[in-house]
Structure formats: structure tokens, C-alpha cells
N, C-alpha and C. Protein backbone atom coordinates (compact mmCIF):
# COMPACT_ATOMS: atom_id res chain seq x y z
N MET A 1 23.02 187.38 -87.48
CA MET A 1 21.94 187.38 -88.08
C MET A 1 20.82 187.86 -87.30
N GLU A 2 19.98 188.78 -87.61
CA GLU A 2 18.89 189.18 -87.78
C GLU A 2 17.58 188.83 -88.41
N THR A 3 16.52 187.95 -88.53
CA THR A 3 15.15 187.09 -88.72
C THR A 3 14.36 188.67 -88.47
N THR A 4 13.12 188.28 -89.53
CA THR A 4 12.10 189.22 -88.79
C THR A 4 10.94 188.41 -88.60
N ILE A 5 10.33 188.66 -87.64
CA ILE A 5 9.23 187.56 -87.68
C ILE A 5 8.05 188.17 -87.00
N SER A 6 6.94 187.74 -87.50
CA SER A 6 5.71 188.37 -87.82
C SER A 6 4.27 187.85 -86.51
N VAL A 7 4.37 188.48 -85.45
CA VAL A 7 3.35 188.06 -84.57
C VAL A 7 2.02 189.08 -83.90
N ARG A 8 0.87 188.15 -83.72
CA ARG A 8 -0.14 188.74 -83.41
C ARG A 8 -0.21 189.11 -82.03
N LEU A 9 -0.58 189.57 -81.70
CA LEU A 9 -0.83 190.25 -80.19
C LEU A 9 -1.98 190.86 -80.03
N GLU A 10 -2.20 190.51 -78.64
CA GLU A 10 -3.41 191.17 -78.06
C GLU A 10 -3.41 193.09 -77.99
N LYS A 11 -4.70 193.18 -77.91
CA LYS A 11 -4.86 194.70 -76.92
C LYS A 11 -3.94 195.04 -76.14
N PRO A 12 -4.67 194.23 -75.09
CA PRO A 12 -3.83 194.64 -74.00
C PRO A 12 -2.23 194.76 -74.22
N ILE A 13 -1.69 193.94 -74.51
CA ILE A 13 -0.43 193.57 -75.01
C ILE A 13 0.04 194.77 -75.35
N LEU A 14 -0.37 194.31 -76.56
CA LEU A 14 0.47 195.85 -77.51
C LEU A 14 -0.30 196.88 -76.43
N ARG A 15 -1.18 197.26 -75.56
CA ARG A 15 -0.94 198.79 -75.06
C ARG A 15 0.06 199.17 -73.77
N ASP A 16 0.34 197.65 -73.13
CA ASP A 16 1.45 197.68 -72.59
C ASP A 16 3.04 197.68 -72.78
N ILE A 17 2.77 196.79 -74.47
CA ILE A 17 4.41 197.19 -75.27
C ILE A 17 4.37 198.58 -75.41
N GLU A 18 3.07 199.53 -76.06
CA GLU A 18 3.41 200.66 -76.43
C GLU A 18 3.63 201.85 -75.48
N GLN A 19 3.17 201.50 -74.23
CA GLN A 19 3.40 201.93 -72.18
C GLN A 19 4.94 201.50 -72.35
N ILE A 20 5.58 201.43 -72.20
CA ILE A 20 6.40 200.51 -71.56
C ILE A 20 7.59 201.34 -72.76
N GLY A 21 7.50 201.64 -74.51
CA GLY A 21 8.14 202.12 -75.66
C GLY A 21 8.08 203.63 -74.95
N LYS A 22 7.25 203.96 -74.58
CA LYS A 22 6.99 205.37 -74.09
C LYS A 22 7.76 206.24 -72.95
N SER A 23 7.85 205.09 -72.14
CA SER A 23 8.95 205.04 -70.94
C SER A 23 10.59 205.18 -71.59
N LEU A 24 10.53 204.16 -72.51
CA LEU A 24 11.76 203.81 -72.11
C LEU A 24 12.51 205.05 -73.64
N HIS A 25 11.26 205.77 -74.07
CA HIS A 25 11.42 206.43 -75.31
C HIS A 25 11.81 205.84 -76.07
N THR A 26 11.38 204.57 -76.86
CA THR A 26 12.06 203.79 -77.83
C THR A 26 10.91 203.19 -78.46
N ASP A 27 10.82 202.84 -79.44
CA ASP A 27 9.71 201.88 -80.03
C ASP A 27 9.31 200.73 -79.82
N ARG A 28 8.50 199.82 -80.50
CA ARG A 28 7.93 198.33 -79.91
C ARG A 28 8.76 197.68 -80.41
N SER A 29 9.89 197.55 -81.54
CA SER A 29 10.38 196.07 -81.76
C SER A 29 11.53 196.38 -81.03
N GLU A 30 12.24 197.31 -80.63
CA GLU A 30 12.98 197.67 -79.24
C GLU A 30 12.55 196.97 -78.23
N VAL A 31 11.55 197.21 -77.39
CA VAL A 31 10.59 197.04 -76.37
C VAL A 31 10.63 195.43 -76.20
N ILE A 32 10.27 195.11 -77.63
CA ILE A 32 9.54 193.77 -78.14
C ILE A 32 11.29 193.07 -77.27
N ARG A 33 12.43 193.53 -78.61
CA ARG A 33 13.63 192.65 -78.64
C ARG A 33 14.16 192.48 -77.00
N ARG A 34 13.95 193.94 -76.18
CA ARG A 34 14.40 193.84 -74.61
C ARG A 34 13.35 192.35 -74.26
N LEU A 35 11.73 192.55 -74.17
CA LEU A 35 11.74 192.03 -73.24
C LEU A 35 11.41 190.12 -73.34
N LEU A 36 11.88 189.87 -75.24
CA LEU A 36 12.15 188.44 -75.10
C LEU A 36 13.65 188.47 -74.45
N ALA A 37 14.71 188.72 -74.65
CA ALA A 37 15.58 188.63 -74.38
C ALA A 37 15.56 188.88 -72.61
N SER A 38 15.30 189.06 -71.99
CA SER A 38 14.86 188.64 -70.64
C SER A 38 14.35 187.74 -70.27
N ALA A 39 13.01 187.56 -70.68
CA ALA A 39 12.28 186.06 -70.94
C ALA A 39 13.08 185.00 -70.96
N THR A 40 13.97 185.26 -72.04
CA THR A 40 14.52 183.87 -72.26
C THR A 40 15.67 184.27 -71.56
N GLN A 41 16.42 185.03 -71.28
CA GLN A 41 17.75 184.90 -70.23
C GLN A 41 17.01 184.47 -68.53
N GLU A 42 15.44 184.66 -68.44
CA GLU A 42 15.17 183.80 -67.55
C GLU A 42 14.54 182.40 -67.28
N TRP A 43 14.45 182.16 -68.20
CA TRP A 43 13.50 180.49 -68.66
C TRP A 43 15.58 179.99 -68.32
N LYS A 44 16.43 180.21 -68.73
CA LYS A 44 17.27 179.65 -68.76
C LYS A 44 17.94 179.54 -67.75
N VAL A 45 17.62 180.75 -66.83
CA VAL A 45 18.34 180.36 -65.46
C VAL A 45 17.19 179.54 -64.75
N ASN A 46 16.05 179.50 -64.79
CA ASN A 46 15.10 178.66 -64.20
C ASN A 46 14.93 177.13 -64.64
N GLU A 47 15.43 177.31 -66.02
CA GLU A 47 15.86 175.66 -66.24
C GLU A 47 17.27 175.24 -66.19
N ALA A 48 18.10 175.73 -65.63
CA ALA A 48 20.07 175.34 -64.55
C ALA A 48 19.26 175.12 -63.75
N LEU A 49 18.86 176.05 -62.99
CA LEU A 49 18.08 175.74 -61.32
C LEU A 49 17.39 174.18 -61.02
N GLN A 50 16.70 173.69 -62.01
CA GLN A 50 16.04 173.07 -62.39
C GLN A 50 16.59 171.53 -62.26
N LYS A 51 18.02 171.54 -63.51
CA LYS A 51 18.90 170.59 -63.37
C LYS A 51 19.47 170.47 -61.98
N LEU A 52 20.33 171.31 -61.70
CA LEU A 52 21.04 171.61 -60.69
C LEU A 52 20.33 170.41 -59.41
N THR A 53 19.21 171.42 -59.41
CA THR A 53 18.33 170.61 -58.21
C THR A 53 18.45 169.57 -58.34
N ALA A 54 17.96 168.78 -59.49
CA ALA A 54 18.32 166.94 -59.37
C ALA A 54 19.80 167.00 -60.16
N HIS A 55 20.32 167.30 -59.66
CA HIS A 55 21.42 166.89 -60.09
C HIS A 55 21.93 166.60 -61.02
N LYS A 56 21.32 166.87 -61.55
CA LYS A 56 21.82 166.22 -63.70
C LYS A 56 22.81 167.64 -64.62
N ILE A 57 23.35 168.59 -63.76
CA ILE A 57 24.41 169.40 -64.50
C ILE A 57 25.64 169.97 -63.06
N SER A 58 26.72 170.23 -63.23
CA SER A 58 27.26 171.08 -62.73
C SER A 58 26.85 172.21 -62.30
N ILE A 59 27.44 173.21 -61.28
CA ILE A 59 27.37 174.36 -60.88
C ILE A 59 28.00 175.82 -62.40
N GLY A 60 28.99 174.85 -62.50
CA GLY A 60 29.99 175.29 -64.01
C GLY A 60 29.23 175.30 -65.78
N LYS A 61 28.72 174.44 -65.54
CA LYS A 61 27.55 173.50 -66.29
C LYS A 61 26.11 174.63 -67.07
N ALA A 62 25.88 175.02 -64.92
CA ALA A 62 25.23 175.72 -65.61
C ALA A 62 25.39 177.13 -65.57
N ALA A 63 26.19 177.60 -65.28
CA ALA A 63 26.79 179.26 -65.38
C ALA A 63 26.87 179.01 -67.19
N GLU A 64 27.44 177.89 -67.20
CA GLU A 64 27.99 178.13 -68.72
C GLU A 64 26.50 178.25 -69.55
N GLU A 65 25.56 177.38 -69.33
CA GLU A 65 23.97 177.42 -70.50
C GLU A 65 23.04 178.74 -69.73
N CYS A 66 23.37 179.50 -68.65
CA CYS A 66 22.93 180.72 -68.70
C CYS A 66 23.41 182.00 -68.94
N SER A 67 24.46 182.35 -69.46
CA SER A 67 25.90 183.07 -69.47
C SER A 67 26.06 183.85 -68.37
N LEU A 68 26.31 183.18 -67.18
CA LEU A 68 27.03 183.41 -65.99
C LEU A 68 27.86 183.62 -65.38
N THR A 69 28.59 184.02 -64.66
CA THR A 69 29.75 182.97 -63.45
C THR A 69 29.48 182.60 -63.06
N ILE A 70 30.60 181.63 -62.81
CA ILE A 70 30.12 180.80 -61.39
C ILE A 70 29.30 181.03 -60.00
N TRP A 71 30.28 182.46 -59.55
CA TRP A 71 29.88 183.68 -58.85
C TRP A 71 28.11 183.81 -58.77
N ASP A 72 27.61 184.13 -59.80
CA ASP A 72 26.63 184.99 -59.87
C ASP A 72 25.62 183.64 -59.97
N ILE A 73 25.72 182.11 -60.38
CA ILE A 73 24.50 181.35 -60.32
C ILE A 73 25.04 180.82 -58.96
N LEU A 74 26.14 180.86 -58.60
CA LEU A 74 26.32 180.37 -56.92
C LEU A 74 25.45 181.59 -55.62
N GLU A 75 25.39 182.98 -56.05
CA GLU A 75 24.33 183.52 -55.69
C GLU A 75 22.82 183.09 -55.77
N LEU A 76 22.80 182.55 -57.17
CA LEU A 76 21.26 182.42 -57.18
C LEU A 76 21.09 181.00 -56.53
N VAL A 77 21.70 179.99 -56.52
CA VAL A 77 21.64 178.24 -55.54
C VAL A 77 21.01 179.09 -54.64
N LYS A 78 22.00 180.36 -53.81
CA LYS A 78 22.13 180.15 -52.64
C LYS A 78 20.59 180.63 -51.76
N LYS A 79 20.73 182.07 -53.33
CA LYS A 79 18.74 182.43 -52.97
C LYS A 79 17.66 181.86 -53.08
N HIS A 80 17.76 180.78 -53.81
CA HIS A 80 16.38 179.78 -53.71
C HIS A 80 17.00 178.00 -53.62
N ASN A 81 17.66 178.47 -52.32
CA ASN A 81 18.23 177.48 -51.06
C ASN A 81 18.15 176.32 -52.24
N ILE A 82 19.12 176.02 -53.10
CA ILE A 82 19.05 174.38 -53.88
C ILE A 82 20.88 174.14 -53.23
N ASN A 83 20.49 172.87 -52.76
CA ASN A 83 21.47 171.80 -52.55
C ASN A 83 22.28 171.75 -54.41
N TRP A 84 22.90 171.90 -54.66
CA TRP A 84 23.06 171.41 -55.51
C TRP A 84 24.89 170.65 -55.83
N THR A 85 24.85 170.42 -54.32
CA THR A 85 26.11 169.44 -54.15
C THR A 85 25.52 168.06 -54.40
N GLY A 86 24.35 167.45 -53.49
CA GLY A 86 24.35 165.93 -53.16
C GLY A 86 24.53 165.74 -52.39
N TYR A 87 25.34 166.74 -51.10
CA TYR A 87 25.88 166.39 -50.22
C TYR A 87 24.64 166.35 -48.93
N SER A 88 24.28 165.07 -48.33
CA SER A 88 23.16 165.08 -47.83
C SER A 88 23.11 164.95 -46.38
N SER A 89 22.42 165.30 -45.38
CA SER A 89 22.67 165.37 -43.66
C SER A 89 23.24 163.36 -43.65
N GLN A 90 22.28 162.45 -43.88
CA GLN A 90 22.82 161.16 -43.57
C GLN A 90 24.13 161.21 -44.34
N ASP A 91 24.85 161.68 -44.82
CA ASP A 91 26.49 161.97 -46.03
C ASP A 91 27.38 162.44 -45.02
N LEU A 92 26.91 163.22 -44.55
CA LEU A 92 27.30 164.10 -42.98
C LEU A 92 27.77 163.26 -41.62
N GLU A 93 26.65 163.06 -41.46
CA GLU A 93 26.53 161.97 -40.43
C GLU A 93 27.22 160.66 -40.30
N LYS A 94 27.49 160.07 -41.88
CA LYS A 94 28.42 158.83 -41.81
C LYS A 94 29.69 159.20 -41.69
N ASP A 95 29.65 160.60 -42.18
CA ASP A 95 31.17 161.37 -42.55
C ASP A 95 32.27 161.57 -41.15
N LEU A 96 31.29 162.06 -40.30
CA LEU A 96 31.60 162.51 -39.06
C LEU A 96 31.89 161.14 -37.75
N GLU A 97 30.95 160.05 -38.25
CA GLU A 97 30.66 159.23 -37.61
C GLU A 97 32.32 158.22 -38.18
N LEU A 98 33.11 157.95 -39.08
CA LEU A 98 34.41 158.05 -39.45
C LEU A 98 35.38 158.33 -38.90
N LEU A 99 34.99 160.15 -38.79
CA LEU A 99 36.16 160.99 -37.80
C LEU A 99 36.20 160.56 -35.98
């Protein structure tokens, strides 16, 4: 269900929105919807990556929260060099000693 909202924008932002609209051959409303969708997705991904870094959620849960595949979230984890497993170098040393 769609809802109409009202927002006050400063002139520089409005000019940018108009410029984007001309570039995309669409109206302001569509530009704002696209920008909000993009910003919302970016926020979800950043939030999930922070939770993964803190070991608060699993890789599967992170993918679910972002509406991404596990492969996509693994690519982001790799790109941001996040240790999502919680397996430290000390854990590795202990395991090697046991072997």
C-alpha cells in the first residue's frame, strides 16, 4: 500500500533531484522513490555488516535482513574484510596443537 508523505527540501537538494530526473527522464516522485529505496538498502546492508562484525547474527540472517542471497552477503563480507565466523588466530593455534 502506498502512502503519500510531505517533505521540505532545501533548494540545492531539490535542484539535484530535478537534475537526476532529467537524466533519468522521469519525475521528481520517481527519483525520490529510487533514492529512498537505494538509501534504505544501503542502511540495511551496513546494519547487517555491523551485526556480523559483532557476531550478533549469522550469515544467513544477515542475508535475509538485506534481502540478498548468501553468496551476495559473503561477497560483501569479503569486500569489507569481516571475520564473521568468530574463529580467531588463537583458535587456529589451539587446533593445530591438538593435531
